[in-house]
Amino acid sequence: MVNSELEWVEHGGHRIACLSHLNPEANRLPVVWIHGLTMSVHFWEAGMFDLATEGRSWYSVSLPLHAPSACEENADRCAVDEHLLASMLLEALKQLIPEGRCHLVGHSLGGFAAMNLAAKFPDRIASVTSVGGFMTGRARGLEGALQFLASGHFVRKALFYAGFWLLKRHVLILKAATFSYARDWRSLATFPALDETLALVFPDVKAHSIGAQRAFCRYLLEMDLFDEVCDIETPVLVVAGEKDPIIPYWHQVKCAAALPAGELLSIPEVGHLAFAEAPGRFVPELVEWLERHE
């Protein structure tokens, strides 16, 4: 099911985009999905896994400063820190799911956002699944390069703008960038939802404010959950690709070990996109995890 009508949550000067996929026969806890850096609220729609949503309603929530979400002020005046990020997502949960608990599934920065919400507002959350997520905001690979350029001035700032401008030129450039996140490129290339997902998110990527993306990369460098890790008592499944080029595998193992109720799902020979590189492994494990924490 794609192209659901957007809903909006207003909080802290931000306008956050959300999508609802309601199941009138739902008899299980809903799932809320959160995308990663540079992506959009439409990231999960084409590739949604039927087994993971059977008997459930599911929702997708945008990160701030990612189109179609917007900020009332310019990016530098609309700063995002851990606490504002958590409170924005909490407001989205309250609007989308007025009562009861839900599961959170986040990819990369979305995994951080989900664990951050669990650290600060755990009462509404039954479980968290972090796919290629992290607890400190310093990445490697393409995202690491963006962060390095975003934190500089003059030449580095110009290179950030030029690189992001190029990313916005054509969906095929976005697709090429996506392959830099993977290790099992053949499996990613044959992932049935790849092209449809890129077609859905590309209009939002084109609409991203480059200044806002640069600001978010800088804000992210200041975020760190390790000082709150003992407060995250919610069950967390850390899904880690052993060849992840963006978030080091050792960092994800460290996260899982530090969490009071953390479990590690280690997937060999895949990178940062475990759900697309190894869906045959990822989906059954996710379904079992959700059912175990109803």
Foldseek 3Di string as FASTA:
>chain_A
DADADWDWFDDQQKTKTKGKADDPQAPAAEEEEEEDALWFQRLCPLVPDCLQQPSHIYMYIYFALFPPMYGNDPQVVRADALVRLLVRVVRVCCVVPVDAAHAYEYAAVSQCSVLSNLLPPVPRYLEYEYQLYFFALAKFWPLNLLLVLLPDDDPSVVVLVVVLVVCLPDLVSVVVSVCSQKQLSVLLVPQPRNVVSSVVGNVRSNVRDSSNSSSVSPNRNPGGCLVRQASNQRAYEYEAECAARIRHRVRSVVSQVSHPRRDYDYDYRIYRCCCRNPVVVPVVVSSVVSVVRD
